[in-house]
C-alpha atoms as a PDB file:
ATOM      1  CA  MET A   1     -20.261   0.810  16.268  1.00  0.00           C
ATOM      2  CA  ARG A   2     -17.714   3.404  15.173  1.00  0.00           C
ATOM      3  CA  GLN A   3     -19.089   6.152  12.962  1.00  0.00           C
ATOM      4  CA  PHE A   4     -15.842   8.000  12.085  1.00  0.00           C
ATOM      5  CA  ASP A   5     -17.829  11.241  11.950  1.00  0.00           C
ATOM      6  CA  SER A   6     -15.674  13.574  14.032  1.00  0.00           C
ATOM      7  CA  PRO A   7     -14.274  15.737  12.683  1.00  0.00           C
ATOM      8  CA  ALA A   8     -15.735  15.690   9.171  1.00  0.00           C
ATOM      9  CA  ILE A   9     -14.727  18.117   6.471  1.00  0.00           C
ATOM     10  CA  ASP A  10     -17.056  21.079   5.966  1.00  0.00           C
ATOM     11  CA  LEU A  11     -18.024  21.109   2.293  1.00  0.00           C
ATOM     12  CA  THR A  12     -20.586  23.892   2.559  1.00  0.00           C
ATOM     13  CA  GLY A  13     -20.311  26.068  -0.534  1.00  0.00           C
ATOM     14  CA  GLN A  14     -17.674  23.782  -2.069  1.00  0.00           C
ATOM     15  CA  SER A  15     -17.798  21.915  -5.376  1.00  0.00           C
ATOM     16  CA  VAL A  16     -17.460  18.125  -5.044  1.00  0.00           C
ATOM     17  CA  LEU A  17     -16.895  15.611  -7.855  1.00  0.00           C
ATOM     18  CA  ILE A  18     -17.593  11.905  -7.193  1.00  0.00           C
ATOM     19  CA  THR A  19     -16.292   9.471  -9.805  1.00  0.00           C
ATOM     20  CA  GLY A  20     -18.277   6.259  -9.942  1.00  0.00           C
ATOM     21  CA  GLY A  21     -20.993   8.363  -8.362  1.00  0.00           C
ATOM     22  CA  THR A  22     -23.865   6.049  -9.303  1.00  0.00           C
ATOM     23  CA  GLY A  23     -22.444   3.104  -7.333  1.00  0.00           C
ATOM     24  CA  SER A  24     -23.457   2.085  -3.825  1.00  0.00           C
ATOM     25  CA  PHE A  25     -20.847   4.296  -2.190  1.00  0.00           C
ATOM     26  CA  GLY A  26     -21.483   7.230  -4.525  1.00  0.00           C
ATOM     27  CA  GLN A  27     -25.212   7.252  -3.846  1.00  0.00           C
ATOM     28  CA  ALA A  28     -24.627   7.019  -0.087  1.00  0.00           C
ATOM     29  CA  MET A  29     -22.128   9.893  -0.267  1.00  0.00           C
ATOM     30  CA  VAL A  30     -24.541  12.070  -2.257  1.00  0.00           C
ATOM     31  CA  LYS A  31     -27.318  11.394   0.260  1.00  0.00           C
ATOM     32  CA  ARG A  32     -25.017  12.392   3.107  1.00  0.00           C
ATOM     33  CA  LEU A  33     -23.886  15.596   1.375  1.00  0.00           C
ATOM     34  CA  LEU A  34     -27.487  16.616   0.706  1.00  0.00           C
ATOM     35  CA  ASP A  35     -28.633  15.916   4.273  1.00  0.00           C
ATOM     36  CA  GLY A  36     -26.774  18.877   5.776  1.00  0.00           C
ATOM     37  CA  PRO A  37     -25.606  22.310   4.630  1.00  0.00           C
ATOM     38  CA  MET A  38     -25.265  21.755   0.912  1.00  0.00           C
ATOM     39  CA  PRO A  39     -22.150  22.062  -1.203  1.00  0.00           C
ATOM     40  CA  ARG A  40     -22.252  24.546  -4.054  1.00  0.00           C
ATOM     41  CA  ARG A  41     -22.171  21.659  -6.524  1.00  0.00           C
ATOM     42  CA  VAL A  42     -22.243  17.869  -6.267  1.00  0.00           C
ATOM     43  CA  ILE A  43     -21.122  16.336  -9.558  1.00  0.00           C
ATOM     44  CA  VAL A  44     -21.929  12.672 -10.210  1.00  0.00           C
ATOM     45  CA  PHE A  45     -19.402  11.404 -12.773  1.00  0.00           C
ATOM     46  CA  SER A  46     -20.031   7.970 -14.302  1.00  0.00           C
ATOM     47  CA  ARG A  47     -20.424   6.262 -17.668  1.00  0.00           C
ATOM     48  CA  ASP A  48     -23.851   4.635 -17.155  1.00  0.00           C
ATOM     49  CA  GLU A  49     -26.597   6.954 -18.387  1.00  0.00           C
ATOM     50  CA  MET A  50     -29.430   4.756 -17.095  1.00  0.00           C
ATOM     51  CA  LYS A  51     -28.050   4.718 -13.555  1.00  0.00           C
ATOM     52  CA  GLN A  52     -27.621   8.479 -13.719  1.00  0.00           C
ATOM     53  CA  HIS A  53     -31.222   8.839 -14.938  1.00  0.00           C
ATOM     54  CA  GLN A  54     -32.460   6.670 -12.054  1.00  0.00           C
ATOM     55  CA  MET A  55     -30.328   8.583  -9.566  1.00  0.00           C
ATOM     56  CA  ALA A  56     -31.635  11.901 -10.894  1.00  0.00           C
ATOM     57  CA  GLU A  57     -35.154  10.707 -10.092  1.00  0.00           C
ATOM     58  CA  ILE A  58     -34.081  10.189  -6.464  1.00  0.00           C
ATOM     59  CA  PHE A  59     -32.029  13.405  -6.232  1.00  0.00           C
ATOM     60  CA  PRO A  60     -33.618  15.738  -8.838  1.00  0.00           C
ATOM     61  CA  ASP A  61     -32.018  19.103  -9.476  1.00  0.00           C
ATOM     62  CA  SER A  62     -35.454  20.689  -8.987  1.00  0.00           C
ATOM     63  CA  LEU A  63     -35.190  19.809  -5.285  1.00  0.00           C
ATOM     64  CA  PHE A  64     -31.409  19.851  -5.071  1.00  0.00           C
ATOM     65  CA  PRO A  65     -30.135  22.616  -7.368  1.00  0.00           C
ATOM     66  CA  CYS A  66     -26.536  21.748  -6.522  1.00  0.00           C
ATOM     67  CA  MET A  67     -26.783  18.378  -8.307  1.00  0.00           C
ATOM     68  CA  ARG A  68     -25.024  17.807 -11.632  1.00  0.00           C
ATOM     69  CA  TYR A  69     -24.958  14.575 -13.641  1.00  0.00           C
ATOM     70  CA  PHE A  70     -21.910  14.245 -15.860  1.00  0.00           C
ATOM     71  CA  ILE A  71     -21.515  11.312 -18.283  1.00  0.00           C
ATOM     72  CA  GLY A  72     -17.886  10.329 -18.588  1.00  0.00           C
ATOM     73  CA  ASP A  73     -15.244   7.648 -18.105  1.00  0.00           C
ATOM     74  CA  VAL A  74     -12.094   7.941 -15.996  1.00  0.00           C
ATOM     75  CA  ARG A  75     -10.228   6.498 -18.976  1.00  0.00           C
ATOM     76  CA  ASP A  76     -10.926   9.787 -20.809  1.00  0.00           C
ATOM     77  CA  VAL A  77      -8.644  12.480 -19.384  1.00  0.00           C
ATOM     78  CA  ASN A  78     -10.139  15.192 -21.602  1.00  0.00           C
ATOM     79  CA  ARG A  79     -13.585  14.511 -20.180  1.00  0.00           C
ATOM     80  CA  LEU A  80     -12.141  14.625 -16.666  1.00  0.00           C
ATOM     81  CA  ASP A  81     -10.576  17.999 -17.460  1.00  0.00           C
ATOM     82  CA  LEU A  82     -14.040  19.347 -18.290  1.00  0.00           C
ATOM     83  CA  ALA A  83     -15.668  17.748 -15.250  1.00  0.00           C
ATOM     84  CA  MET A  84     -13.087  19.129 -12.795  1.00  0.00           C
ATOM     85  CA  ARG A  85     -13.367  22.788 -13.741  1.00  0.00           C
ATOM     86  CA  GLU A  86     -13.838  24.853 -10.570  1.00  0.00           C
ATOM     87  CA  VAL A  87     -13.991  21.674  -8.447  1.00  0.00           C
ATOM     88  CA  ASP A  88     -12.625  21.820  -4.907  1.00  0.00           C
ATOM     89  CA  VAL A  89     -12.757  18.160  -3.809  1.00  0.00           C
ATOM     90  CA  VAL A  90     -12.606  14.915  -5.801  1.00  0.00           C
ATOM     91  CA  ILE A  91     -13.746  11.614  -4.306  1.00  0.00           C
ATOM     92  CA  HIS A  92     -12.539   8.851  -6.621  1.00  0.00           C
ATOM     93  CA  ALA A  93     -14.725   5.744  -6.284  1.00  0.00           C
ATOM     94  CA  ALA A  94     -14.785   4.514  -9.900  1.00  0.00           C
ATOM     95  CA  ALA A  95     -13.193   1.102 -10.433  1.00  0.00           C
ATOM     96  CA  LEU A  96     -13.619  -2.356 -11.904  1.00  0.00           C
ATOM     97  CA  LYS A  97     -13.961  -4.382  -8.701  1.00  0.00           C
ATOM     98  CA  ILE A  98     -15.170  -7.936  -9.390  1.00  0.00           C
ATOM     99  CA  VAL A  99     -12.210 -10.287  -8.963  1.00  0.00           C
ATOM    100  CA  PRO A 100     -13.158 -12.961 -11.580  1.00  0.00           C
ATOM    101  CA  THR A 101     -14.091 -10.251 -14.102  1.00  0.00           C
ATOM    102  CA  ALA A 102     -10.697  -8.616 -13.667  1.00  0.00           C
ATOM    103  CA  GLU A 103      -8.903 -11.950 -14.101  1.00  0.00           C
ATOM    104  CA  TYR A 104     -10.748 -12.587 -17.379  1.00  0.00           C
ATOM    105  CA  ASN A 105     -10.488  -9.003 -18.667  1.00  0.00           C
ATOM    106  CA  PRO A 106      -7.072  -7.800 -17.454  1.00  0.00           C
ATOM    107  CA  PHE A 107      -6.569  -5.063 -20.079  1.00  0.00           C
ATOM    108  CA  GLU A 108      -9.907  -3.463 -19.190  1.00  0.00           C
ATOM    109  CA  CYS A 109      -9.147  -3.602 -15.462  1.00  0.00           C
ATOM    110  CA  VAL A 110      -5.763  -1.931 -15.968  1.00  0.00           C
ATOM    111  CA  LEU A 111      -7.273   0.792 -18.171  1.00  0.00           C
ATOM    112  CA  THR A 112      -9.870   1.747 -15.566  1.00  0.00           C
ATOM    113  CA  ASN A 113      -8.037   1.179 -12.294  1.00  0.00           C
ATOM    114  CA  VAL A 114      -4.478   2.194 -13.213  1.00  0.00           C
ATOM    115  CA  HIS A 115      -4.711   4.541 -16.190  1.00  0.00           C
ATOM    116  CA  GLY A 116      -7.918   5.953 -14.717  1.00  0.00           C
ATOM    117  CA  ALA A 117      -6.011   6.860 -11.541  1.00  0.00           C
ATOM    118  CA  GLU A 118      -3.293   8.517 -13.614  1.00  0.00           C
ATOM    119  CA  ASN A 119      -5.951  10.510 -15.491  1.00  0.00           C
ATOM    120  CA  ILE A 120      -7.542  11.671 -12.226  1.00  0.00           C
ATOM    121  CA  VAL A 121      -4.141  12.940 -11.067  1.00  0.00           C
ATOM    122  CA  ARG A 122      -3.380  14.724 -14.328  1.00  0.00           C
ATOM    123  CA  ALA A 123      -6.793  16.409 -14.477  1.00  0.00           C
ATOM    124  CA  ALA A 124      -6.636  17.405 -10.791  1.00  0.00           C
ATOM    125  CA  LEU A 125      -3.202  18.961 -11.277  1.00  0.00           C
ATOM    126  CA  ARG A 126      -4.382  20.947 -14.294  1.00  0.00           C
ATOM    127  CA  SER A 127      -7.613  22.048 -12.583  1.00  0.00           C
ATOM    128  CA  ASN A 128      -5.837  22.794  -9.292  1.00  0.00           C
ATOM    129  CA  VAL A 129      -8.464  21.148  -7.099  1.00  0.00           C
ATOM    130  CA  ARG A 130      -7.814  21.296  -3.362  1.00  0.00           C
ATOM    131  CA  ASN A 131      -8.141  17.660  -2.209  1.00  0.00           C
ATOM    132  CA  VAL A 132      -8.384  14.290  -3.954  1.00  0.00           C
ATOM    133  CA  ILE A 133      -9.128  11.138  -1.981  1.00  0.00           C
ATOM    134  CA  ALA A 134      -9.259   7.727  -3.644  1.00  0.00           C
ATOM    135  CA  LEU A 135     -11.078   4.639  -2.404  1.00  0.00           C
ATOM    136  CA  SER A 136      -8.939   1.509  -2.216  1.00  0.00           C
ATOM    137  CA  THR A 137      -9.437  -2.031  -0.922  1.00  0.00           C
ATOM    138  CA  ASP A 138      -7.925  -4.539   1.458  1.00  0.00           C
ATOM    139  CA  LYS A 139      -7.047  -6.582  -1.639  1.00  0.00           C
ATOM    140  CA  ALA A 140      -4.386  -3.970  -2.507  1.00  0.00           C
ATOM    141  CA  ALA A 141      -2.154  -5.143   0.366  1.00  0.00           C
ATOM    142  CA  ASN A 142       0.000  -8.095  -0.747  1.00  0.00           C
ATOM    143  CA  PRO A 143      -2.256  -8.653  -3.775  1.00  0.00           C
ATOM    144  CA  ILE A 144      -2.699 -12.092  -5.315  1.00  0.00           C
ATOM    145  CA  ASN A 145      -5.300 -11.116  -7.916  1.00  0.00           C
ATOM    146  CA  LEU A 146      -5.274  -8.556 -10.707  1.00  0.00           C
ATOM    147  CA  TYR A 147      -7.897  -6.356  -9.092  1.00  0.00           C
ATOM    148  CA  GLY A 148      -5.738  -6.037  -5.963  1.00  0.00           C
ATOM    149  CA  ALA A 149      -2.621  -5.430  -8.041  1.00  0.00           C
ATOM    150  CA  THR A 150      -4.270  -2.632 -10.011  1.00  0.00           C
ATOM    151  CA  LYS A 151      -5.540  -1.009  -6.827  1.00  0.00           C
ATOM    152  CA  LEU A 152      -2.055  -1.214  -5.295  1.00  0.00           C
ATOM    153  CA  ALA A 153      -0.723   0.552  -8.399  1.00  0.00           C
ATOM    154  CA  SER A 154      -3.524   3.116  -8.045  1.00  0.00           C
ATOM    155  CA  ASP A 155      -2.630   3.700  -4.386  1.00  0.00           C
ATOM    156  CA  LYS A 156       1.010   4.277  -5.327  1.00  0.00           C
ATOM    157  CA  ILE A 157      -0.019   6.734  -8.056  1.00  0.00           C
ATOM    158  CA  PHE A 158      -2.097   8.833  -5.658  1.00  0.00           C
ATOM    159  CA  VAL A 159       0.545   8.838  -2.942  1.00  0.00           C
ATOM    160  CA  ALA A 160       3.274   9.831  -5.414  1.00  0.00           C
ATOM    161  CA  ALA A 161       1.052  12.526  -6.936  1.00  0.00           C
ATOM    162  CA  ASN A 162       1.855  14.747  -3.955  1.00  0.00           C
ATOM    163  CA  ASN A 163       5.414  14.982  -5.250  1.00  0.00           C
ATOM    164  CA  LEU A 164       4.076  16.529  -8.464  1.00  0.00           C
ATOM    165  CA  SER A 165       1.683  19.054  -6.973  1.00  0.00           C
ATOM    166  CA  GLY A 166       4.202  21.232  -5.125  1.00  0.00           C
ATOM    167  CA  ASP A 167       3.397  23.342  -2.089  1.00  0.00           C
ATOM    168  CA  ARG A 168       0.258  24.937  -3.516  1.00  0.00           C
ATOM    169  CA  GLY A 169      -1.209  22.149  -5.646  1.00  0.00           C
ATOM    170  CA  PRO A 170      -3.773  19.466  -4.810  1.00  0.00           C
ATOM    171  CA  ARG A 171      -3.319  17.117  -1.887  1.00  0.00           C
ATOM    172  CA  PHE A 172      -3.861  13.424  -2.671  1.00  0.00           C
ATOM    173  CA  GLY A 173      -4.761  10.680  -0.193  1.00  0.00           C
ATOM    174  CA  VAL A 174      -6.104   7.123  -0.107  1.00  0.00           C
ATOM    175  CA  VAL A 175      -8.739   5.368   1.989  1.00  0.00           C
ATOM    176  CA  ARG A 176      -8.376   1.585   2.279  1.00  0.00           C
ATOM    177  CA  TYR A 177     -11.077  -0.573   3.837  1.00  0.00           C
ATOM    178  CA  GLY A 178     -12.687  -4.013   3.598  1.00  0.00           C
ATOM    179  CA  ASN A 179     -15.980  -5.464   2.383  1.00  0.00           C
ATOM    180  CA  VAL A 180     -18.968  -3.124   2.494  1.00  0.00           C
ATOM    181  CA  ILE A 181     -22.155  -4.597   3.939  1.00  0.00           C
ATOM    182  CA  GLY A 182     -25.070  -3.660   1.720  1.00  0.00           C
ATOM    183  CA  SER A 183     -23.057  -2.878  -1.404  1.00  0.00           C
ATOM    184  CA  ARG A 184     -23.952  -4.610  -4.649  1.00  0.00           C
ATOM    185  CA  GLY A 185     -20.743  -6.631  -4.723  1.00  0.00           C
ATOM    186  CA  SER A 186     -21.035  -7.912  -1.157  1.00  0.00           C
ATOM    187  CA  VAL A 187     -21.615 -11.573  -0.331  1.00  0.00           C
ATOM    188  CA  VAL A 188     -24.505 -10.480   1.916  1.00  0.00           C
ATOM    189  CA  PRO A 189     -27.044  -9.755  -0.881  1.00  0.00           C
ATOM    190  CA  TYR A 190     -25.813 -12.895  -2.656  1.00  0.00           C
ATOM    191  CA  PHE A 191     -26.613 -15.035   0.380  1.00  0.00           C
ATOM    192  CA  GLN A 192     -29.929 -13.215   0.796  1.00  0.00           C
ATOM    193  CA  ARG A 193     -30.886 -13.970  -2.809  1.00  0.00           C
ATOM    194  CA  LEU A 194     -30.081 -17.631  -2.319  1.00  0.00           C
ATOM    195  CA  VAL A 195     -32.209 -17.743   0.826  1.00  0.00           C
ATOM    196  CA  ALA A 196     -35.107 -16.103  -1.055  1.00  0.00           C
ATOM    197  CA  GLN A 197     -34.756 -18.712  -3.804  1.00  0.00           C
ATOM    198  CA  GLY A 198     -35.278 -21.471  -1.238  1.00  0.00           C
ATOM    199  CA  VAL A 199     -31.868 -23.159  -1.340  1.00  0.00           C
ATOM    200  CA  LYS A 200     -31.129 -25.788   1.288  1.00  0.00           C
ATOM    201  CA  GLU A 201     -27.450 -24.923   1.702  1.00  0.00           C
ATOM    202  CA  LEU A 202     -25.297 -21.794   1.438  1.00  0.00           C
ATOM    203  CA  PRO A 203     -21.959 -22.132  -0.422  1.00  0.00           C
ATOM    204  CA  ILE A 204     -18.912 -21.534   1.777  1.00  0.00           C
ATOM    205  CA  THR A 205     -15.503 -21.259   0.141  1.00  0.00           C
ATOM    206  CA  ASP A 206     -13.551 -22.273   3.260  1.00  0.00           C
ATOM    207  CA  PRO A 207     -14.711 -22.558   6.889  1.00  0.00           C
ATOM    208  CA  ARG A 208     -11.566 -20.735   8.069  1.00  0.00           C
ATOM    209  CA  MET A 209     -12.093 -17.692   5.820  1.00  0.00           C
ATOM    210  CA  THR A 210     -12.334 -14.274   7.501  1.00  0.00           C
ATOM    211  CA  ARG A 211     -13.122 -10.809   6.193  1.00  0.00           C
ATOM    212  CA  PHE A 212     -13.182  -7.172   7.320  1.00  0.00           C
ATOM    213  CA  TRP A 213     -16.597  -5.456   7.282  1.00  0.00           C
ATOM    214  CA  ILE A 214     -17.776  -1.862   7.186  1.00  0.00           C
ATOM    215  CA  THR A 215     -21.203  -0.318   6.548  1.00  0.00           C
ATOM    216  CA  LEU A 216     -21.853   2.208   3.797  1.00  0.00           C
ATOM    217  CA  GLU A 217     -22.592   4.867   6.408  1.00  0.00           C
ATOM    218  CA  GLN A 218     -19.305   4.168   8.160  1.00  0.00           C
ATOM    219  CA  GLY A 219     -17.461   4.275   4.831  1.00  0.00           C
ATOM    220  CA  VAL A 220     -18.936   7.647   3.904  1.00  0.00           C
ATOM    221  CA  ASN A 221     -18.190   9.101   7.339  1.00  0.00           C
ATOM    222  CA  PHE A 222     -14.667   7.724   7.250  1.00  0.00           C
ATOM    223  CA  VAL A 223     -13.913   9.317   3.879  1.00  0.00           C
ATOM    224  CA  LEU A 224     -15.227  12.704   5.016  1.00  0.00           C
ATOM    225  CA  SER A 225     -13.212  12.554   8.239  1.00  0.00           C
ATOM    226  CA  CYS A 226     -10.059  11.592   6.315  1.00  0.00           C
ATOM    227  CA  LEU A 227     -10.574  14.553   3.986  1.00  0.00           C
ATOM    228  CA  ALA A 228     -10.613  16.768   7.062  1.00  0.00           C
ATOM    229  CA  MET A 229      -7.312  15.473   8.479  1.00  0.00           C
ATOM    230  CA  MET A 230      -5.267  14.637   5.368  1.00  0.00           C
ATOM    231  CA  SER A 231      -2.123  16.580   4.570  1.00  0.00           C
ATOM    232  CA  GLY A 232      -1.239  14.522   1.493  1.00  0.00           C
ATOM    233  CA  GLY A 233       0.203  11.066   0.849  1.00  0.00           C
ATOM    234  CA  GLU A 234      -1.515   9.129   3.635  1.00  0.00           C
ATOM    235  CA  ILE A 235      -3.263   5.777   3.320  1.00  0.00           C
ATOM    236  CA  PHE A 236      -6.036   5.780   5.918  1.00  0.00           C
ATOM    237  CA  VAL A 237      -7.214   2.423   7.289  1.00  0.00           C
ATOM    238  CA  PRO A 238     -10.234   2.273   9.627  1.00  0.00           C
ATOM    239  CA  LYS A 239     -10.378   0.015  12.650  1.00  0.00           C
ATOM    240  CA  ILE A 240     -13.311  -2.205  11.730  1.00  0.00           C
ATOM    241  CA  PRO A 241     -14.588  -5.621  12.842  1.00  0.00           C
ATOM    242  CA  THR A 242     -13.995  -8.956  11.183  1.00  0.00           C
ATOM    243  CA  THR A 243     -16.117 -12.063  10.808  1.00  0.00           C
ATOM    244  CA  ARG A 244     -15.741 -15.653   9.829  1.00  0.00           C
ATOM    245  CA  ILE A 245     -17.739 -16.290   6.659  1.00  0.00           C
ATOM    246  CA  VAL A 246     -19.386 -19.321   8.286  1.00  0.00           C
ATOM    247  CA  ASP A 247     -20.648 -17.079  11.102  1.00  0.00           C
ATOM    248  CA  LEU A 248     -21.963 -14.556   8.587  1.00  0.00           C
ATOM    249  CA  ALA A 249     -23.875 -17.304   6.769  1.00  0.00           C
ATOM    250  CA  HIS A 250     -25.275 -18.585  10.072  1.00  0.00           C
ATOM    251  CA  ALA A 251     -26.378 -15.073  11.067  1.00  0.00           C
ATOM    252  CA  LEU A 252     -28.250 -14.659   7.779  1.00  0.00           C
ATOM    253  CA  ALA A 253     -29.728 -18.170   7.615  1.00  0.00           C
ATOM    254  CA  PRO A 254     -29.439 -20.070  10.912  1.00  0.00           C
ATOM    255  CA  ASP A 255     -31.643 -22.921   9.693  1.00  0.00           C
ATOM    256  CA  LEU A 256     -29.747 -23.637   6.474  1.00  0.00           C
ATOM    257  CA  GLY A 257     -26.851 -25.999   5.992  1.00  0.00           C
ATOM    258  CA  GLN A 258     -23.503 -24.978   4.552  1.00  0.00           C
ATOM    259  CA  LYS A 259     -21.647 -26.557   1.655  1.00  0.00           C
ATOM    260  CA  ILE A 260     -17.877 -26.132   1.265  1.00  0.00           C
ATOM    261  CA  VAL A 261     -17.128 -25.248  -2.379  1.00  0.00           C
ATOM    262  CA  GLY A 262     -13.453 -24.259  -2.185  1.00  0.00           C
ATOM    263  CA  ILE A 263     -11.567 -20.989  -2.596  1.00  0.00           C
ATOM    264  CA  ARG A 264     -11.948 -19.367  -6.008  1.00  0.00           C
ATOM    265  CA  PRO A 265      -8.940 -18.296  -8.108  1.00  0.00           C
ATOM    266  CA  GLY A 266      -7.525 -14.994  -6.869  1.00  0.00           C
ATOM    267  CA  GLU A 267      -9.177 -15.289  -3.458  1.00  0.00           C
ATOM    268  CA  LYS A 268      -7.361 -15.143  -0.116  1.00  0.00           C
ATOM    269  CA  LEU A 269      -8.153 -17.108   3.024  1.00  0.00           C
ATOM    270  CA  HIS A 270      -7.665 -13.918   5.069  1.00  0.00           C
ATOM    271  CA  GLU A 271      -7.369 -10.290   4.006  1.00  0.00           C
ATOM    272  CA  VAL A 272      -4.642  -7.903   5.169  1.00  0.00           C
ATOM    273  CA  MET A 273      -4.952  -4.115   5.207  1.00  0.00           C
ATOM    274  CA  ILE A 274      -1.516  -3.298   6.646  1.00  0.00           C
ATOM    275  CA  THR A 275       1.446  -5.610   6.166  1.00  0.00           C
ATOM    276  CA  GLU A 276       4.517  -5.984   8.368  1.00  0.00           C
ATOM    277  CA  ASP A 277       6.539  -4.172   5.696  1.00  0.00           C
ATOM    278  CA  ASP A 278       4.319  -1.091   6.068  1.00  0.00           C
ATOM    279  CA  ALA A 279       4.405  -1.190   9.873  1.00  0.00           C
ATOM    280  CA  ARG A 280       7.438   1.064  10.235  1.00  0.00           C
ATOM    281  CA  MET A 281       5.525   3.839   8.442  1.00  0.00           C
ATOM    282  CA  THR A 282       2.198   3.237  10.212  1.00  0.00           C
ATOM    283  CA  TYR A 283       0.700   5.212  13.094  1.00  0.00           C
ATOM    284  CA  ASP A 284      -2.214   4.421  15.380  1.00  0.00           C
ATOM    285  CA  ALA A 285      -4.544   7.450  15.319  1.00  0.00           C
ATOM    286  CA  GLY A 286      -7.271   6.169  17.649  1.00  0.00           C
ATOM    287  CA  ASP A 287     -10.125   4.994  15.427  1.00  0.00           C
ATOM    288  CA  ARG A 288      -7.862   4.428  12.419  1.00  0.00           C
ATOM    289  CA  TYR A 289      -4.352   3.628  11.266  1.00  0.00           C
ATOM    290  CA  VAL A 290      -2.417   5.975   9.010  1.00  0.00           C
ATOM    291  CA  VAL A 291       0.253   4.634   6.655  1.00  0.00           C
ATOM    292  CA  THR A 292       2.485   7.629   5.985  1.00  0.00           C
ATOM    293  CA  PRO A 293       4.509   8.304   2.828  1.00  0.00           C
ATOM    294  CA  PHE A 294       8.287   8.406   2.562  1.00  0.00           C
ATOM    295  CA  SER A 295       8.071  11.970   1.245  1.00  0.00           C
ATOM    296  CA  PRO A 296      10.238  14.400   3.263  1.00  0.00           C
ATOM    297  CA  GLY A 297       7.528  17.044   2.835  1.00  0.00           C
ATOM    298  CA  PHE A 298       4.875  15.054   4.686  1.00  0.00           C
ATOM    299  CA  ASP A 299       3.557  16.768   7.841  1.00  0.00           C
ATOM    300  CA  LEU A 300       4.369  14.020  10.343  1.00  0.00           C
ATOM    301  CA  GLN A 301       4.417  16.475  13.237  1.00  0.00           C
ATOM    302  CA  GLY A 302       0.824  17.418  12.496  1.00  0.00           C
ATOM    303  CA  LEU A 303      -0.182  13.766  12.702  1.00  0.00           C
ATOM    304  CA  LEU A 304       1.694  13.288  15.976  1.00  0.00           C
ATOM    305  CA  ALA A 305       0.036  16.416  17.359  1.00  0.00           C
ATOM    306  CA  ARG A 306      -3.295  14.630  16.903  1.00  0.00           C
ATOM    307  CA  GLY A 307      -2.101  11.947  19.317  1.00  0.00           C
ATOM    308  CA  ALA A 308      -1.026   9.360  16.743  1.00  0.00           C
ATOM    309  CA  LYS A 309       1.599   6.873  17.883  1.00  0.00           C
ATOM    310  CA  PRO A 310       3.830   4.520  15.882  1.00  0.00           C
ATOM    311  CA  VAL A 311       2.777   0.878  15.813  1.00  0.00           C
ATOM    312  CA  PRO A 312       5.244  -1.924  16.683  1.00  0.00           C
ATOM    313  CA  GLU A 313       7.633  -2.961  13.925  1.00  0.00           C
ATOM    314  CA  THR A 314       6.046  -6.428  13.833  1.00  0.00           C
ATOM    315  CA  PHE A 315       2.535  -5.003  13.473  1.00  0.00           C
ATOM    316  CA  ARG A 316       0.181  -6.584  10.942  1.00  0.00           C
ATOM    317  CA  TYR A 317      -3.500  -5.717  10.481  1.00  0.00           C
ATOM    318  CA  GLY A 318      -5.209  -8.818   9.121  1.00  0.00           C
ATOM    319  CA  SER A 319      -8.730 -10.207   9.304  1.00  0.00           C
ATOM    320  CA  ASP A 320      -7.431 -13.372  10.983  1.00  0.00           C
ATOM    321  CA  SER A 321      -5.648 -11.539  13.801  1.00  0.00           C
ATOM    322  CA  ASP A 322      -7.950  -8.591  14.508  1.00  0.00           C
ATOM    323  CA  ALA A 323      -9.190  -8.599  18.094  1.00  0.00           C
ATOM    324  CA  GLU A 324     -12.568  -7.148  17.090  1.00  0.00           C
ATOM    325  CA  ARG A 325     -14.065 -10.430  15.876  1.00  0.00           C
ATOM    326  CA  LEU A 326     -17.863 -10.459  15.694  1.00  0.00           C
ATOM    327  CA  ASP A 327     -19.882 -13.465  16.789  1.00  0.00           C
ATOM    328  CA  VAL A 328     -23.282 -14.285  15.269  1.00  0.00           C
ATOM    329  CA  ALA A 329     -25.086 -11.808  17.535  1.00  0.00           C
ATOM    330  CA  GLY A 330     -22.594  -9.072  16.666  1.00  0.00           C
ATOM    331  CA  ILE A 331     -22.990  -9.782  12.950  1.00  0.00           C
ATOM    332  CA  ARG A 332     -26.757  -9.450  13.211  1.00  0.00           C
ATOM    333  CA  LYS A 333     -26.354  -6.127  14.976  1.00  0.00           C
ATOM    334  CA  LEU A 334     -24.037  -4.923  12.196  1.00  0.00           C
ATOM    335  CA  LEU A 335     -26.488  -6.113   9.540  1.00  0.00           C
ATOM    336  CA  GLY A 336     -29.259  -4.259  11.311  1.00  0.00           C
ATOM    337  CA  ALA A 337     -27.206  -1.066  11.382  1.00  0.00           C
ATOM    338  CA  ALA A 338     -26.442  -1.403   7.666  1.00  0.00           C
ATOM    339  CA  ALA A 339     -30.108  -1.858   6.831  1.00  0.00           C
ATOM    340  CA  ALA A 340     -31.283   1.113   8.939  1.00  0.00           C
END
């Protein structure tokens, strides 16, 4: 299983701000940062005071003096200005992510995911942070739901932000990956809850459906390694395995039946992380793909010096065509790694 941990950025003595820091990814990132040589400050920025209180019990500042807990919303640019003072690196994980919720509450989704991204850029430019990396989703490529559309807009904002920062300003990049095993929004805990409730069948939207999968540990390592190699404007896409949803259900509950319930509004049969239209700007960098910007100031030679090679013009990175398809045994191994 790829770990994406070489090379990782050295944040020793640096100040790191994590938006959405009380979420699954944020907590995993904080744990990783506190496991090694500590940053000067780790700032958890989120709007949920109870989650921050619970997180502070796990990572108290009495044991980890670098920890800071900052109540705020990415919709509030003035609050972001305060939070980013003397910050070196921003990891932007805050978002409204549940597809049906976004469809029913479109204004709220746009305010957080689009205007929130704009506010991050404005505050980072004013505070002159060094690096900003934003978490995206496979749903941002050829989006068919509002969540994906807002994340595509967010991706474009962060890529274009490099045109505003000049030669000495912040560098902005994007990380795009698929479903996270073990996160609160994953289908895995949903299936596990159903099994615990004693259901006789697991609901399957479509037997042909496929998805990309990554563990929280892999996601954290990938972000840190992308921070180390980014020059500004890239969209980094990890090479990760895919599964059929029916195989995932069988791996979790081999003795249960499966009931086909149909695809929900805004849901795709297969996810795509790189489309054919992006292929001409995409490079294979070993354990990841890098979608490069059109900006003339982008350091393409630096990427090529790392051994990256252009992909074919007809290239497409989709969950239905990925060669790294996990069978039931492979899924169980991945689940075991995520639970470790």
